[in-house]
């Protein structure tokens, strides 16, 4: 299978669609599934593309590149949920960016509350970490990165 056939242009179009949906209140997600789909399109595809490119550059197998795609999707969704929570309860002094920037936008917090959103972050993080156990070679750096990202999110949100 040729990795050049993975539809990189389609991935870029998907990211654009996710961002456009995020910015367009008239297309606000109506349920949690729609929010997660938007997050996957918006940030999951970005993270998964970066992970896949890293795999291709390091001559990963096609199976591992596909695993890296899933790894990036889960990590991107976790990041976006964390950003959603930060926008509601974070500290601009700690995070270095303003909060309440997403007023009027529907996110995970509206459907699950802060605690439910935090659990979803952990769930997506754990799914990303699980994938690292199935990658060929030493993927401990990816595991450590995810753990550090989780610790940083926790620090910024609390």
C-alpha atoms as a PDB file:
ATOM      1  CA  UNK A   1       0.000   0.000   0.000  1.00  0.00           C
ATOM      2  CA  UNK A   2       1.431   3.341  -1.020  1.00  0.00           C
ATOM      3  CA  UNK A   3       1.315   5.892   1.804  1.00  0.00           C
ATOM      4  CA  UNK A   4       1.018   8.645  -0.776  1.00  0.00           C
ATOM      5  CA  UNK A   5      -2.489   7.362  -1.493  1.00  0.00           C
ATOM      6  CA  UNK A   6      -3.769   8.184   1.988  1.00  0.00           C
ATOM      7  CA  UNK A   7      -5.543  11.311   0.812  1.00  0.00           C
ATOM      8  CA  UNK A   8      -3.458  14.132   2.265  1.00  0.00           C
ATOM      9  CA  UNK A   9      -5.524  16.721   0.396  1.00  0.00           C
ATOM     10  CA  UNK A  10      -8.681  15.203   1.879  1.00  0.00           C
ATOM     11  CA  UNK A  11      -7.117  15.502   5.344  1.00  0.00           C
ATOM     12  CA  UNK A  12      -6.519  19.225   4.749  1.00  0.00           C
ATOM     13  CA  UNK A  13     -10.103  19.698   3.545  1.00  0.00           C
ATOM     14  CA  UNK A  14     -11.350  17.894   6.649  1.00  0.00           C
ATOM     15  CA  UNK A  15      -9.340  20.207   8.942  1.00  0.00           C
ATOM     16  CA  UNK A  16     -10.776  23.226   7.130  1.00  0.00           C
ATOM     17  CA  UNK A  17     -14.311  21.859   7.505  1.00  0.00           C
ATOM     18  CA  UNK A  18     -13.762  21.224  11.231  1.00  0.00           C
ATOM     19  CA  UNK A  19     -12.487  24.746  11.820  1.00  0.00           C
ATOM     20  CA  UNK A  20     -15.280  26.270   9.763  1.00  0.00           C
ATOM     21  CA  UNK A  21     -17.882  24.294  11.691  1.00  0.00           C
ATOM     22  CA  UNK A  22     -16.282  25.394  14.962  1.00  0.00           C
ATOM     23  CA  UNK A  23     -16.451  29.058  13.958  1.00  0.00           C
ATOM     24  CA  UNK A  24     -19.950  28.947  12.459  1.00  0.00           C
ATOM     25  CA  UNK A  25     -22.582  29.150  15.200  1.00  0.00           C
ATOM     26  CA  UNK A  26     -25.344  28.433  12.688  1.00  0.00           C
ATOM     27  CA  UNK A  27     -23.872  24.942  12.332  1.00  0.00           C
ATOM     28  CA  UNK A  28     -23.503  24.366  16.059  1.00  0.00           C
ATOM     29  CA  UNK A  29     -23.275  20.712  17.076  1.00  0.00           C
ATOM     30  CA  UNK A  30     -26.602  19.372  18.308  1.00  0.00           C
ATOM     31  CA  UNK A  31     -25.243  16.501  20.393  1.00  0.00           C
ATOM     32  CA  UNK A  32     -22.059  15.123  21.926  1.00  0.00           C
ATOM     33  CA  UNK A  33     -21.351  12.918  18.914  1.00  0.00           C
ATOM     34  CA  UNK A  34     -21.354  16.005  16.652  1.00  0.00           C
ATOM     35  CA  UNK A  35     -18.965  17.826  19.014  1.00  0.00           C
ATOM     36  CA  UNK A  36     -16.513  14.921  18.991  1.00  0.00           C
ATOM     37  CA  UNK A  37     -16.756  14.706  15.202  1.00  0.00           C
ATOM     38  CA  UNK A  38     -15.987  18.432  14.959  1.00  0.00           C
ATOM     39  CA  UNK A  39     -13.011  18.019  17.326  1.00  0.00           C
ATOM     40  CA  UNK A  40     -11.751  15.086  15.283  1.00  0.00           C
ATOM     41  CA  UNK A  41     -12.025  17.106  12.088  1.00  0.00           C
ATOM     42  CA  UNK A  42     -10.572  20.246  13.651  1.00  0.00           C
ATOM     43  CA  UNK A  43      -7.668  18.971  15.750  1.00  0.00           C
ATOM     44  CA  UNK A  44      -7.635  15.190  15.486  1.00  0.00           C
ATOM     45  CA  UNK A  45      -6.806  15.319  11.789  1.00  0.00           C
ATOM     46  CA  UNK A  46      -4.039  17.859  12.441  1.00  0.00           C
ATOM     47  CA  UNK A  47      -2.450  15.728  15.168  1.00  0.00           C
ATOM     48  CA  UNK A  48      -2.928  12.499  13.221  1.00  0.00           C
ATOM     49  CA  UNK A  49      -1.363  14.007  10.088  1.00  0.00           C
ATOM     50  CA  UNK A  50       1.672  15.109  12.085  1.00  0.00           C
ATOM     51  CA  UNK A  51       1.975  11.664  13.681  1.00  0.00           C
ATOM     52  CA  UNK A  52       1.626   9.930  10.307  1.00  0.00           C
ATOM     53  CA  UNK A  53       4.255  12.172   8.715  1.00  0.00           C
ATOM     54  CA  UNK A  54       6.601  11.304  11.589  1.00  0.00           C
ATOM     55  CA  UNK A  55       5.974   7.629  10.921  1.00  0.00           C
ATOM     56  CA  UNK A  56       6.604   7.991   7.189  1.00  0.00           C
ATOM     57  CA  UNK A  57       9.822   9.959   7.774  1.00  0.00           C
ATOM     58  CA  UNK A  58      11.071   7.216  10.103  1.00  0.00           C
ATOM     59  CA  UNK A  59      10.116   4.401   7.705  1.00  0.00           C
ATOM     60  CA  UNK A  60       7.347   2.980   9.874  1.00  0.00           C
ATOM     61  CA  UNK A  61       5.319   0.108   8.499  1.00  0.00           C
ATOM     62  CA  UNK A  62       1.983   0.880   6.892  1.00  0.00           C
ATOM     63  CA  UNK A  63       0.253  -0.714   9.902  1.00  0.00           C
ATOM     64  CA  UNK A  64       2.179   1.540  12.287  1.00  0.00           C
ATOM     65  CA  UNK A  65       1.374   4.643  10.217  1.00  0.00           C
ATOM     66  CA  UNK A  66      -2.309   3.708  10.493  1.00  0.00           C
ATOM     67  CA  UNK A  67      -1.882   3.254  14.255  1.00  0.00           C
ATOM     68  CA  UNK A  68      -0.199   6.663  14.412  1.00  0.00           C
ATOM     69  CA  UNK A  69      -3.229   8.119  12.625  1.00  0.00           C
ATOM     70  CA  UNK A  70      -5.487   6.768  15.372  1.00  0.00           C
ATOM     71  CA  UNK A  71      -3.008   7.888  18.049  1.00  0.00           C
ATOM     72  CA  UNK A  72      -3.106  11.442  16.677  1.00  0.00           C
ATOM     73  CA  UNK A  73      -6.891  11.456  16.393  1.00  0.00           C
ATOM     74  CA  UNK A  74      -7.325  10.431  20.033  1.00  0.00           C
ATOM     75  CA  UNK A  75      -4.690  12.890  21.213  1.00  0.00           C
ATOM     76  CA  UNK A  76      -6.197  15.726  19.169  1.00  0.00           C
ATOM     77  CA  UNK A  77      -9.667  15.072  20.536  1.00  0.00           C
ATOM     78  CA  UNK A  78      -8.309  14.954  24.110  1.00  0.00           C
ATOM     79  CA  UNK A  79      -6.486  18.238  23.506  1.00  0.00           C
ATOM     80  CA  UNK A  80      -9.606  19.907  22.103  1.00  0.00           C
ATOM     81  CA  UNK A  81     -11.742  18.746  25.043  1.00  0.00           C
ATOM     82  CA  UNK A  82      -9.036  20.102  27.365  1.00  0.00           C
ATOM     83  CA  UNK A  83      -9.166  23.428  25.554  1.00  0.00           C
ATOM     84  CA  UNK A  84     -12.946  23.411  25.977  1.00  0.00           C
ATOM     85  CA  UNK A  85     -12.607  22.855  29.730  1.00  0.00           C
ATOM     86  CA  UNK A  86      -9.803  25.412  30.035  1.00  0.00           C
ATOM     87  CA  UNK A  87     -11.993  28.012  28.326  1.00  0.00           C
ATOM     88  CA  UNK A  88     -14.658  27.477  31.007  1.00  0.00           C
ATOM     89  CA  UNK A  89     -12.624  27.064  34.195  1.00  0.00           C
ATOM     90  CA  UNK A  90      -8.958  27.747  33.416  1.00  0.00           C
ATOM     91  CA  UNK A  91      -6.737  30.494  34.713  1.00  0.00           C
ATOM     92  CA  UNK A  92      -5.348  32.993  32.175  1.00  0.00           C
ATOM     93  CA  UNK A  93      -2.423  33.598  34.534  1.00  0.00           C
ATOM     94  CA  UNK A  94      -1.496  29.909  34.512  1.00  0.00           C
ATOM     95  CA  UNK A  95      -2.360  29.166  30.884  1.00  0.00           C
ATOM     96  CA  UNK A  96      -1.088  32.343  29.293  1.00  0.00           C
ATOM     97  CA  UNK A  97      -4.194  32.777  27.167  1.00  0.00           C
ATOM     98  CA  UNK A  98      -7.587  34.336  27.784  1.00  0.00           C
ATOM     99  CA  UNK A  99     -10.569  32.286  28.841  1.00  0.00           C
ATOM    100  CA  UNK A 100     -14.223  32.580  27.791  1.00  0.00           C
ATOM    101  CA  UNK A 101     -13.214  32.849  24.132  1.00  0.00           C
ATOM    102  CA  UNK A 102     -15.747  30.189  23.150  1.00  0.00           C
ATOM    103  CA  UNK A 103     -18.852  31.893  24.546  1.00  0.00           C
ATOM    104  CA  UNK A 104     -21.861  30.831  22.566  1.00  0.00           C
ATOM    105  CA  UNK A 105     -20.103  27.785  21.105  1.00  0.00           C
ATOM    106  CA  UNK A 106     -21.300  24.325  22.002  1.00  0.00           C
ATOM    107  CA  UNK A 107     -18.633  22.011  23.366  1.00  0.00           C
ATOM    108  CA  UNK A 108     -18.228  18.883  25.435  1.00  0.00           C
ATOM    109  CA  UNK A 109     -18.747  20.792  28.699  1.00  0.00           C
ATOM    110  CA  UNK A 110     -22.288  21.693  27.663  1.00  0.00           C
ATOM    111  CA  UNK A 111     -23.145  18.012  27.288  1.00  0.00           C
ATOM    112  CA  UNK A 112     -21.025  16.371  29.996  1.00  0.00           C
ATOM    113  CA  UNK A 113     -20.138  19.097  32.491  1.00  0.00           C
ATOM    114  CA  UNK A 114     -16.568  19.755  33.598  1.00  0.00           C
ATOM    115  CA  UNK A 115     -16.115  16.442  35.438  1.00  0.00           C
ATOM    116  CA  UNK A 116     -17.554  14.459  32.537  1.00  0.00           C
ATOM    117  CA  UNK A 117     -15.284  16.313  30.108  1.00  0.00           C
ATOM    118  CA  UNK A 118     -12.267  15.590  32.321  1.00  0.00           C
ATOM    119  CA  UNK A 119     -13.157  11.891  32.245  1.00  0.00           C
ATOM    120  CA  UNK A 120     -13.398  12.020  28.468  1.00  0.00           C
ATOM    121  CA  UNK A 121      -9.915  13.573  28.315  1.00  0.00           C
ATOM    122  CA  UNK A 122      -8.584  10.671  30.381  1.00  0.00           C
ATOM    123  CA  UNK A 123     -10.413   8.153  28.193  1.00  0.00           C
ATOM    124  CA  UNK A 124      -9.028   9.555  24.932  1.00  0.00           C
ATOM    125  CA  UNK A 125      -5.580   9.894  26.489  1.00  0.00           C
ATOM    126  CA  UNK A 126      -5.695   6.256  27.587  1.00  0.00           C
ATOM    127  CA  UNK A 127      -6.737   5.167  24.099  1.00  0.00           C
ATOM    128  CA  UNK A 128      -3.761   7.053  22.627  1.00  0.00           C
ATOM    129  CA  UNK A 129      -1.406   5.473  25.173  1.00  0.00           C
ATOM    130  CA  UNK A 130      -2.817   2.010  24.421  1.00  0.00           C
ATOM    131  CA  UNK A 131      -1.905   2.452  20.763  1.00  0.00           C
ATOM    132  CA  UNK A 132       1.745   3.131  21.653  1.00  0.00           C
ATOM    133  CA  UNK A 133       1.970  -0.389  23.088  1.00  0.00           C
ATOM    134  CA  UNK A 134       1.230  -1.815  19.630  1.00  0.00           C
ATOM    135  CA  UNK A 135       3.739   0.231  17.634  1.00  0.00           C
ATOM    136  CA  UNK A 136       6.865  -1.444  16.320  1.00  0.00           C
ATOM    137  CA  UNK A 137      10.105  -0.266  17.882  1.00  0.00           C
ATOM    138  CA  UNK A 138      10.473   1.864  20.982  1.00  0.00           C
ATOM    139  CA  UNK A 139       7.473   4.169  21.370  1.00  0.00           C
ATOM    140  CA  UNK A 140       8.216   5.174  24.961  1.00  0.00           C
ATOM    141  CA  UNK A 141       8.759   8.788  23.863  1.00  0.00           C
ATOM    142  CA  UNK A 142       5.157   8.916  22.591  1.00  0.00           C
ATOM    143  CA  UNK A 143       3.877   7.379  25.814  1.00  0.00           C
ATOM    144  CA  UNK A 144       5.849   9.935  27.836  1.00  0.00           C
ATOM    145  CA  UNK A 145       4.635  12.803  25.652  1.00  0.00           C
ATOM    146  CA  UNK A 146       1.009  11.853  26.230  1.00  0.00           C
ATOM    147  CA  UNK A 147       1.597  11.544  29.975  1.00  0.00           C
ATOM    148  CA  UNK A 148       3.256  14.992  30.075  1.00  0.00           C
ATOM    149  CA  UNK A 149       0.449  16.493  28.000  1.00  0.00           C
ATOM    150  CA  UNK A 150      -2.086  15.067  30.456  1.00  0.00           C
ATOM    151  CA  UNK A 151      -0.206  16.487  33.431  1.00  0.00           C
ATOM    152  CA  UNK A 152       0.007  19.915  31.821  1.00  0.00           C
ATOM    153  CA  UNK A 153      -3.726  19.921  31.005  1.00  0.00           C
ATOM    154  CA  UNK A 154      -4.522  18.968  34.572  1.00  0.00           C
ATOM    155  CA  UNK A 155      -2.317  21.782  35.907  1.00  0.00           C
ATOM    156  CA  UNK A 156      -3.926  24.394  33.651  1.00  0.00           C
ATOM    157  CA  UNK A 157      -7.477  23.374  34.399  1.00  0.00           C
ATOM    158  CA  UNK A 158      -7.281  23.078  38.160  1.00  0.00           C
END
